[in-house]
PDB file of N, CA and C in Angstrom:
ATOM      1  N   MET A   1     -16.824 146.202 -26.204  1.00  0.00           N
ATOM      2  CA  MET A   1     -15.715 146.224 -25.732  1.00  0.00           C
ATOM      3  C   MET A   1     -15.219 147.919 -25.780  1.00  0.00           C
ATOM      4  N   ALA A   2     -14.918 148.239 -24.881  1.00  0.00           N
ATOM      5  CA  ALA A   2     -14.417 149.448 -24.450  1.00  0.00           C
ATOM      6  C   ALA A   2     -13.158 149.920 -25.638  1.00  0.00           C
ATOM      7  N   ASP A   3     -13.002 150.878 -25.987  1.00  0.00           N
ATOM      8  CA  ASP A   3     -12.059 151.458 -26.797  1.00  0.00           C
ATOM      9  C   ASP A   3     -10.607 152.059 -25.739  1.00  0.00           C
ATOM     10  N   HIS A   4      -9.645 151.596 -26.822  1.00  0.00           N
ATOM     11  CA  HIS A   4      -8.075 151.842 -26.021  1.00  0.00           C
ATOM     12  C   HIS A   4      -7.991 153.398 -25.103  1.00  0.00           C
ATOM     13  N   ALA A   5      -8.394 154.627 -25.464  1.00  0.00           N
ATOM     14  CA  ALA A   5      -8.539 155.564 -24.280  1.00  0.00           C
ATOM     15  C   ALA A   5      -9.538 155.561 -23.451  1.00  0.00           C
ATOM     16  N   THR A   6     -10.689 154.473 -23.526  1.00  0.00           N
ATOM     17  CA  THR A   6     -11.460 154.383 -22.156  1.00  0.00           C
ATOM     18  C   THR A   6     -11.303 153.494 -21.326  1.00  0.00           C
ATOM     19  N   ALA A   7     -10.432 151.948 -22.239  1.00  0.00           N
ATOM     20  CA  ALA A   7      -9.844 151.559 -21.214  1.00  0.00           C
ATOM     21  C   ALA A   7      -8.998 152.322 -20.165  1.00  0.00           C
ATOM     22  N   ALA A   8      -7.748 152.763 -20.835  1.00  0.00           N
ATOM     23  CA  ALA A   8      -6.845 153.548 -20.367  1.00  0.00           C
ATOM     24  C   ALA A   8      -7.177 154.553 -18.505  1.00  0.00           C
ATOM     25  N   LEU A   9      -8.733 155.346 -19.214  1.00  0.00           N
ATOM     26  CA  LEU A   9      -9.022 156.058 -18.132  1.00  0.00           C
ATOM     27  C   LEU A   9      -9.560 155.191 -16.856  1.00  0.00           C
ATOM     28  N   MET A  10     -10.053 154.112 -17.784  1.00  0.00           N
ATOM     29  CA  MET A  10     -10.954 152.967 -16.275  1.00  0.00           C
ATOM     30  C   MET A  10      -9.664 152.714 -15.814  1.00  0.00           C
ATOM     31  N   ALA A  11      -8.530 152.531 -16.365  1.00  0.00           N
ATOM     32  CA  ALA A  11      -7.604 151.750 -15.321  1.00  0.00           C
ATOM     33  C   ALA A  11      -6.604 152.845 -14.921  1.00  0.00           C
ATOM     34  N   GLU A  12      -6.588 154.295 -14.582  1.00  0.00           N
ATOM     35  CA  GLU A  12      -6.439 155.142 -13.313  1.00  0.00           C
ATOM     36  C   GLU A  12      -6.878 155.229 -12.535  1.00  0.00           C
ATOM     37  N   PRO A  13      -6.297 155.112 -11.634  1.00  0.00           N
ATOM     38  CA  PRO A  13      -6.915 155.097  -9.857  1.00  0.00           C
ATOM     39  C   PRO A  13      -7.406 156.517  -9.549  1.00  0.00           C
ATOM     40  N   THR A  14      -8.747 156.296  -8.938  1.00  0.00           N
ATOM     41  CA  THR A  14      -9.120 157.432  -8.511  1.00  0.00           C
ATOM     42  C   THR A  14      -8.170 158.513  -7.590  1.00  0.00           C
ATOM     43  N   LEU A  15      -8.090 159.747  -7.111  1.00  0.00           N
ATOM     44  CA  LEU A  15      -7.231 160.332  -6.149  1.00  0.00           C
ATOM     45  C   LEU A  15      -7.678 159.728  -5.235  1.00  0.00           C
ATOM     46  N   LYS A  16      -9.311 159.401  -4.364  1.00  0.00           N
ATOM     47  CA  LYS A  16      -9.387 158.784  -3.375  1.00  0.00           C
ATOM     48  C   LYS A  16      -8.268 157.293  -3.314  1.00  0.00           C
ATOM     49  N   GLU A  17      -8.515 156.404  -4.221  1.00  0.00           N
ATOM     50  CA  GLU A  17      -7.018 155.361  -4.762  1.00  0.00           C
ATOM     51  C   GLU A  17      -5.894 155.414  -4.502  1.00  0.00           C
ATOM     52  N   ALA A  18      -5.262 156.876  -4.961  1.00  0.00           N
ATOM     53  CA  ALA A  18      -4.182 156.726  -4.926  1.00  0.00           C
ATOM     54  C   ALA A  18      -3.532 157.437  -3.499  1.00  0.00           C
ATOM     55  N   ALA A  19      -4.546 158.448  -3.250  1.00  0.00           N
ATOM     56  CA  ALA A  19      -3.772 158.490  -1.545  1.00  0.00           C
ATOM     57  C   ALA A  19      -3.849 157.765  -0.721  1.00  0.00           C
ATOM     58  N   ALA A  20      -5.033 156.756  -1.181  1.00  0.00           N
ATOM     59  CA  ALA A  20      -5.074 155.303   0.165  1.00  0.00           C
ATOM     60  C   ALA A  20      -3.446 154.350  -0.063  1.00  0.00           C
ATOM     61  N   ALA A  21      -3.205 154.481  -1.570  1.00  0.00           N
ATOM     62  CA  ALA A  21      -2.132 153.847  -1.579  1.00  0.00           C
ATOM     63  C   ALA A  21      -0.678 154.234  -1.483  1.00  0.00           C
ATOM     64  N   VAL A  22      -0.646 155.742  -1.046  1.00  0.00           N
ATOM     65  CA  VAL A  22       0.706 156.411  -0.928  1.00  0.00           C
ATOM     66  C   VAL A  22       0.620 156.396   1.060  1.00  0.00           C
ATOM     67  N   PHE A  23      -0.822 156.873   1.475  1.00  0.00           N
ATOM     68  CA  PHE A  23      -0.846 157.668   2.626  1.00  0.00           C
ATOM     69  C   PHE A  23      -1.254 156.202   3.966  1.00  0.00           C
ATOM     70  N   ASN A  24      -1.488 156.613   4.797  1.00  0.00           N
ATOM     71  CA  ASN A  24      -2.381 155.818   5.755  1.00  0.00           C
ATOM     72  C   ASN A  24      -3.248 156.455   6.326  1.00  0.00           C
ATOM     73  N   GLU A  25      -4.337 156.146   7.070  1.00  0.00           N
ATOM     74  CA  GLU A  25      -4.973 157.297   7.292  1.00  0.00           C
ATOM     75  C   GLU A  25      -5.059 158.067   8.191  1.00  0.00           C
ATOM     76  N   GLU A  26      -3.999 157.938   8.949  1.00  0.00           N
ATOM     77  CA  GLU A  26      -3.715 159.037   9.706  1.00  0.00           C
ATOM     78  C   GLU A  26      -3.062 160.112   8.964  1.00  0.00           C
ATOM     79  N   GLU A  27      -2.289 159.684   7.967  1.00  0.00           N
ATOM     80  CA  GLU A  27      -1.711 161.115   7.233  1.00  0.00           C
ATOM     81  C   GLU A  27      -2.848 161.499   6.173  1.00  0.00           C
ATOM     82  N   CYS A  28      -3.806 160.981   5.915  1.00  0.00           N
ATOM     83  CA  CYS A  28      -4.756 161.720   5.488  1.00  0.00           C
ATOM     84  C   CYS A  28      -5.871 162.033   5.589  1.00  0.00           C
ATOM     85  N   THR A  29      -6.008 161.918   7.063  1.00  0.00           N
ATOM     86  CA  THR A  29      -6.707 162.621   7.875  1.00  0.00           C
ATOM     87  C   THR A  29      -6.119 163.927   7.900  1.00  0.00           C
ATOM     88  N   ALA A  30      -4.874 163.878   8.586  1.00  0.00           N
ATOM     89  CA  ALA A  30      -3.730 165.294   8.671  1.00  0.00           C
ATOM     90  C   ALA A  30      -4.217 166.135   6.700  1.00  0.00           C
ATOM     91  N   LEU A  31      -3.832 165.170   5.709  1.00  0.00           N
ATOM     92  CA  LEU A  31      -4.065 165.807   4.837  1.00  0.00           C
ATOM     93  C   LEU A  31      -5.170 166.867   4.614  1.00  0.00           C
ATOM     94  N   LYS A  32      -5.861 166.339   5.012  1.00  0.00           N
ATOM     95  CA  LYS A  32      -7.590 167.060   4.717  1.00  0.00           C
ATOM     96  C   LYS A  32      -7.758 168.365   5.905  1.00  0.00           C
ATOM     97  N   THR A  33      -7.155 168.187   7.083  1.00  0.00           N
ATOM     98  CA  THR A  33      -7.546 169.173   7.907  1.00  0.00           C
ATOM     99  C   THR A  33      -6.455 170.350   7.453  1.00  0.00           C
ATOM    100  N   ASN A  34      -5.388 170.189   6.976  1.00  0.00           N
ATOM    101  CA  ASN A  34      -4.299 171.109   6.422  1.00  0.00           C
ATOM    102  C   ASN A  34      -5.049 171.441   5.300  1.00  0.00           C
ATOM    103  N   LEU A  35      -5.601 170.599   4.615  1.00  0.00           N
ATOM    104  CA  LEU A  35      -6.155 171.348   3.020  1.00  0.00           C
ATOM    105  C   LEU A  35      -7.552 172.376   4.039  1.00  0.00           C
ATOM    106  N   ARG A  36      -8.314 171.833   4.512  1.00  0.00           N
ATOM    107  CA  ARG A  36      -8.925 172.828   5.110  1.00  0.00           C
ATOM    108  C   ARG A  36      -9.027 174.290   6.070  1.00  0.00           C
ATOM    109  N   ALA A  37      -8.329 173.898   6.599  1.00  0.00           N
ATOM    110  CA  ALA A  37      -7.124 175.346   7.194  1.00  0.00           C
ATOM    111  C   ALA A  37      -6.980 176.387   6.502  1.00  0.00           C
ATOM    112  N   GLU A  38      -6.268 175.714   5.014  1.00  0.00           N
ATOM    113  CA  GLU A  38      -5.488 176.045   3.774  1.00  0.00           C
ATOM    114  C   GLU A  38      -6.885 177.078   3.218  1.00  0.00           C
ATOM    115  N   GLN A  39      -7.784 176.271   2.553  1.00  0.00           N
ATOM    116  CA  GLN A  39      -9.122 176.723   2.523  1.00  0.00           C
ATOM    117  C   GLN A  39      -9.623 178.422   3.338  1.00  0.00           C
ATOM    118  N   ILE A  40      -9.646 177.924   4.387  1.00  0.00           N
ATOM    119  CA  ILE A  40     -10.244 178.923   4.972  1.00  0.00           C
ATOM    120  C   ILE A  40      -9.197 180.251   5.397  1.00  0.00           C
ATOM    121  N   ALA A  41      -7.865 180.030   4.870  1.00  0.00           N
ATOM    122  CA  ALA A  41      -7.146 181.047   5.075  1.00  0.00           C
ATOM    123  C   ALA A  41      -7.402 181.722   3.846  1.00  0.00           C
ATOM    124  N   GLN A  42      -7.133 181.140   2.857  1.00  0.00           N
ATOM    125  CA  GLN A  42      -7.422 181.906   1.449  1.00  0.00           C
ATOM    126  C   GLN A  42      -8.549 182.315   1.255  1.00  0.00           C
ATOM    127  N   ALA A  43      -9.942 182.016   1.784  1.00  0.00           N
ATOM    128  CA  ALA A  43     -11.152 182.870   1.667  1.00  0.00           C
ATOM    129  C   ALA A  43     -11.062 183.966   2.500  1.00  0.00           C
ATOM    130  N   LYS A  44     -10.087 184.078   3.795  1.00  0.00           N
ATOM    131  CA  LYS A  44     -10.646 185.274   4.564  1.00  0.00           C
ATOM    132  C   LYS A  44      -9.732 186.011   3.669  1.00  0.00           C
ATOM    133  N   TYR A  45      -8.672 185.872   2.740  1.00  0.00           N
ATOM    134  CA  TYR A  45      -7.230 186.370   2.323  1.00  0.00           C
ATOM    135  C   TYR A  45      -8.552 187.387   1.348  1.00  0.00           C
ATOM    136  N   LEU A  46      -8.922 186.032   0.609  1.00  0.00           N
ATOM    137  CA  LEU A  46      -9.559 186.860  -0.782  1.00  0.00           C
ATOM    138  C   LEU A  46     -11.220 188.108  -0.311  1.00  0.00           C
ATOM    139  N   ARG A  47     -11.416 187.640   0.913  1.00  0.00           N
ATOM    140  CA  ARG A  47     -12.453 188.501   1.559  1.00  0.00           C
ATOM    141  C   ARG A  47     -12.225 189.999   1.764  1.00  0.00           C
ATOM    142  N   ALA A  48     -10.526 190.086   2.524  1.00  0.00           N
ATOM    143  CA  ALA A  48     -10.521 190.928   2.863  1.00  0.00           C
ATOM    144  C   ALA A  48      -9.498 192.268   1.482  1.00  0.00           C
ATOM    145  N   HIS A  49      -9.962 191.373   0.282  1.00  0.00           N
ATOM    146  CA  HIS A  49      -9.278 191.921  -0.889  1.00  0.00           C
ATOM    147  C   HIS A  49      -9.890 192.037  -1.569  1.00  0.00           C
ATOM    148  N   PRO A  50     -11.084 192.588  -1.687  1.00  0.00           N
ATOM    149  CA  PRO A  50     -12.012 192.429  -2.831  1.00  0.00           C
ATOM    150  C   PRO A  50     -11.531 192.914  -4.382  1.00  0.00           C
ATOM    151  N   GLU A  51     -10.769 193.706  -4.119  1.00  0.00           N
ATOM    152  CA  GLU A  51     -10.011 194.255  -5.478  1.00  0.00           C
ATOM    153  C   GLU A  51      -9.157 192.806  -6.506  1.00  0.00           C
ATOM    154  N   ILE A  52      -8.909 191.868  -5.780  1.00  0.00           N
ATOM    155  CA  ILE A  52      -8.542 190.213  -6.466  1.00  0.00           C
ATOM    156  C   ILE A  52      -9.835 190.155  -7.080  1.00  0.00           C
ATOM    157  N   HIS A  53     -10.683 190.049  -6.708  1.00  0.00           N
ATOM    158  CA  HIS A  53     -11.962 189.565  -7.627  1.00  0.00           C
ATOM    159  C   HIS A  53     -12.183 190.487  -8.747  1.00  0.00           C
ATOM    160  N   LYS A  54     -11.666 191.646  -8.862  1.00  0.00           N
ATOM    161  CA  LYS A  54     -12.828 192.342  -9.836  1.00  0.00           C
ATOM    162  C   LYS A  54     -11.273 192.370 -10.866  1.00  0.00           C
ATOM    163  N   ALA A  55     -10.539 192.310 -10.223  1.00  0.00           N
ATOM    164  CA  ALA A  55      -8.981 191.933 -11.513  1.00  0.00           C
ATOM    165  C   ALA A  55      -9.391 190.440 -12.397  1.00  0.00           C
ATOM    166  N   VAL A  56      -9.465 189.901 -11.157  1.00  0.00           N
ATOM    167  CA  VAL A  56      -9.582 188.119 -12.113  1.00  0.00           C
ATOM    168  C   VAL A  56     -11.358 188.341 -12.768  1.00  0.00           C
ATOM    169  N   GLN A  57     -11.925 189.410 -12.490  1.00  0.00           N
ATOM    170  CA  GLN A  57     -12.876 189.266 -13.755  1.00  0.00           C
ATOM    171  C   GLN A  57     -13.052 190.044 -14.615  1.00  0.00           C
ATOM    172  N   GLU A  58     -11.982 191.016 -14.490  1.00  0.00           N
ATOM    173  CA  GLU A  58     -11.521 192.111 -15.608  1.00  0.00           C
ATOM    174  C   GLU A  58     -10.695 191.229 -16.490  1.00  0.00           C
ATOM    175  N   GLY A  59      -9.545 190.430 -15.969  1.00  0.00           N
ATOM    176  CA  GLY A  59      -8.588 189.922 -17.070  1.00  0.00           C
ATOM    177  C   GLY A  59      -9.438 188.473 -17.617  1.00  0.00           C
ATOM    178  N   LEU A  60     -10.468 187.810 -16.686  1.00  0.00           N
ATOM    179  CA  LEU A  60     -11.427 186.667 -17.308  1.00  0.00           C
ATOM    180  C   LEU A  60     -11.944 187.359 -18.818  1.00  0.00           C
ATOM    181  N   ALA A  61     -13.180 188.607 -18.438  1.00  0.00           N
ATOM    182  CA  ALA A  61     -13.763 189.282 -19.466  1.00  0.00           C
ATOM    183  C   ALA A  61     -13.107 189.389 -20.696  1.00  0.00           C
ATOM    184  N   ARG A  62     -11.422 189.907 -20.765  1.00  0.00           N
ATOM    185  CA  ARG A  62     -10.741 190.300 -21.749  1.00  0.00           C
ATOM    186  C   ARG A  62     -10.541 188.844 -22.959  1.00  0.00           C
ATOM    187  N   VAL A  63     -10.061 187.874 -21.603  1.00  0.00           N
ATOM    188  CA  VAL A  63      -9.625 187.015 -22.205  1.00  0.00           C
ATOM    189  C   VAL A  63     -10.853 186.220 -23.202  1.00  0.00           C
ATOM    190  N   LEU A  64     -12.075 186.497 -22.877  1.00  0.00           N
ATOM    191  CA  LEU A  64     -13.390 185.534 -23.314  1.00  0.00           C
ATOM    192  C   LEU A  64     -13.971 186.885 -24.685  1.00  0.00           C
ATOM    193  N   GLN A  65     -13.358 187.870 -23.917  1.00  0.00           N
ATOM    194  CA  GLN A  65     -13.806 188.801 -25.529  1.00  0.00           C
ATOM    195  C   GLN A  65     -12.816 188.624 -27.023  1.00  0.00           C
ATOM    196  N   SER A  66     -11.408 188.454 -26.472  1.00  0.00           N
ATOM    197  CA  SER A  66     -10.617 188.364 -27.408  1.00  0.00           C
ATOM    198  C   SER A  66     -10.396 187.157 -27.932  1.00  0.00           C
ATOM    199  N   GLN A  67     -10.376 186.225 -27.055  1.00  0.00           N
ATOM    200  CA  GLN A  67      -9.946 184.436 -27.318  1.00  0.00           C
ATOM    201  C   GLN A  67      -8.780 184.034 -27.905  1.00  0.00           C
ATOM    202  N   PRO A  68      -7.678 184.500 -27.052  1.00  0.00           N
ATOM    203  CA  PRO A  68      -6.562 184.773 -27.943  1.00  0.00           C
ATOM    204  C   PRO A  68      -6.104 183.018 -28.201  1.00  0.00           C
ATOM    205  N   GLU A  69      -5.392 182.779 -29.010  1.00  0.00           N
ATOM    206  CA  GLU A  69      -4.483 181.730 -28.863  1.00  0.00           C
ATOM    207  C   GLU A  69      -3.971 180.949 -27.569  1.00  0.00           C
ATOM    208  N   ASP A  70      -3.261 181.762 -27.423  1.00  0.00           N
ATOM    209  CA  ASP A  70      -2.291 181.301 -25.755  1.00  0.00           C
ATOM    210  C   ASP A  70      -2.889 182.776 -24.388  1.00  0.00           C
ATOM    211  N   PRO A  71      -3.948 181.693 -23.911  1.00  0.00           N
ATOM    212  CA  PRO A  71      -4.720 182.899 -23.192  1.00  0.00           C
ATOM    213  C   PRO A  71      -3.560 183.363 -21.555  1.00  0.00           C
ATOM    214  N   VAL A  72      -3.089 182.635 -21.372  1.00  0.00           N
ATOM    215  CA  VAL A  72      -2.149 182.767 -20.238  1.00  0.00           C
ATOM    216  C   VAL A  72      -0.473 184.014 -20.983  1.00  0.00           C
ATOM    217  N   THR A  73      -0.241 183.781 -21.842  1.00  0.00           N
ATOM    218  CA  THR A  73       0.585 184.962 -21.821  1.00  0.00           C
ATOM    219  C   THR A  73      -0.130 186.444 -22.314  1.00  0.00           C
ATOM    220  N   PHE A  74      -1.488 186.240 -23.393  1.00  0.00           N
ATOM    221  CA  PHE A  74      -2.774 187.357 -23.134  1.00  0.00           C
ATOM    222  C   PHE A  74      -2.724 187.522 -21.629  1.00  0.00           C
ATOM    223  N   LEU A  75      -2.882 186.882 -20.596  1.00  0.00           N
ATOM    224  CA  LEU A  75      -3.086 187.256 -19.586  1.00  0.00           C
ATOM    225  C   LEU A  75      -1.813 187.980 -18.833  1.00  0.00           C
ATOM    226  N   THR A  76      -0.939 187.480 -19.145  1.00  0.00           N
ATOM    227  CA  THR A  76       0.311 188.287 -18.572  1.00  0.00           C
ATOM    228  C   THR A  76       0.425 189.639 -18.627  1.00  0.00           C
ATOM    229  N   GLN A  77       0.231 189.561 -20.442  1.00  0.00           N
ATOM    230  CA  GLN A  77       0.628 191.208 -20.821  1.00  0.00           C
ATOM    231  C   GLN A  77      -0.419 191.839 -20.581  1.00  0.00           C
ATOM    232  N   TYR A  78      -1.791 192.063 -20.473  1.00  0.00           N
ATOM    233  CA  TYR A  78      -3.128 192.617 -19.645  1.00  0.00           C
ATOM    234  C   TYR A  78      -2.302 192.673 -18.574  1.00  0.00           C
ATOM    235  N   PHE A  79      -2.023 192.113 -17.855  1.00  0.00           N
ATOM    236  CA  PHE A  79      -1.477 192.622 -15.980  1.00  0.00           C
ATOM    237  C   PHE A  79      -0.608 193.183 -15.998  1.00  0.00           C
ATOM    238  N   MET A  80       0.271 193.548 -16.947  1.00  0.00           N
ATOM    239  CA  MET A  80       1.368 194.353 -17.204  1.00  0.00           C
ATOM    240  C   MET A  80       1.189 195.731 -17.492  1.00  0.00           C
ATOM    241  N   SER A  81       0.043 195.144 -18.196  1.00  0.00           N
ATOM    242  CA  SER A  81      -0.608 196.408 -19.219  1.00  0.00           C
ATOM    243  C   SER A  81      -0.561 198.185 -18.008  1.00  0.00           C
ATOM    244  N   GLU A  82      -0.271 199.235 -19.135  1.00  0.00           N
ATOM    245  CA  GLU A  82      -0.291 200.152 -18.525  1.00  0.00           C
ATOM    246  C   GLU A  82      -2.148 200.347 -18.244  1.00  0.00           C
ATOM    247  N   GLU A  83      -2.816 199.699 -19.202  1.00  0.00           N
ATOM    248  CA  GLU A  83      -4.475 199.937 -19.181  1.00  0.00           C
ATOM    249  C   GLU A  83      -4.685 199.532 -18.126  1.00  0.00           C
ATOM    250  N   PHE A  84      -4.197 198.437 -17.557  1.00  0.00           N
ATOM    251  CA  PHE A  84      -4.871 197.390 -16.175  1.00  0.00           C
ATOM    252  C   PHE A  84      -4.142 198.260 -15.104  1.00  0.00           C
ATOM    253  N   LEU A  85      -2.305 198.571 -15.019  1.00  0.00           N
ATOM    254  CA  LEU A  85      -2.076 199.142 -13.260  1.00  0.00           C
ATOM    255  C   LEU A  85      -2.272 200.725 -14.175  1.00  0.00           C
ATOM    256  N   HIS A  86      -3.206 201.265 -14.548  1.00  0.00           N
ATOM    257  CA  HIS A  86      -3.893 202.624 -14.244  1.00  0.00           C
ATOM    258  C   HIS A  86      -4.802 202.857 -13.832  1.00  0.00           C
ATOM    259  N   GLN A  87      -5.911 201.604 -13.831  1.00  0.00           N
ATOM    260  CA  GLN A  87      -7.358 201.430 -13.196  1.00  0.00           C
ATOM    261  C   GLN A  87      -6.815 200.560 -11.631  1.00  0.00           C
ATOM    262  N   ARG A  88      -5.703 200.496 -11.670  1.00  0.00           N
ATOM    263  CA  ARG A  88      -5.390 200.505  -9.913  1.00  0.00           C
ATOM    264  C   ARG A  88      -4.936 201.391  -8.837  1.00  0.00           C
ATOM    265  N   GLN A  89      -4.600 202.812  -9.907  1.00  0.00           N
ATOM    266  CA  GLN A  89      -4.366 203.873  -9.177  1.00  0.00           C
ATOM    267  C   GLN A  89      -5.447 204.168  -8.370  1.00  0.00           C
ATOM    268  N   PRO A  90      -5.244 205.275  -7.133  1.00  0.00           N
ATOM    269  CA  PRO A  90      -6.512 205.480  -6.543  1.00  0.00           C
ATOM    270  C   PRO A  90      -6.755 206.653  -6.782  1.00  0.00           C
TER     271      PRO A  90
END
């Protein structure tokens, strides 16, 4: 017999099942089309701004080095720090 946590997880509908319960087929198709268009637009933007990739890599490296208790606060402080902002200066 499955434990309570496993049973609860198995009772949860998958994303596909939940979407099918809420949206009709036409709406699901429109959502997928819009999602693809948004992903393409975001990919184009990121390709046009390689500095974003570098900044995210720097932030991730800092988090992994420091392993702070609250990584979101740590990253917020890092991205607002003089050290980070001065690295962005041309």
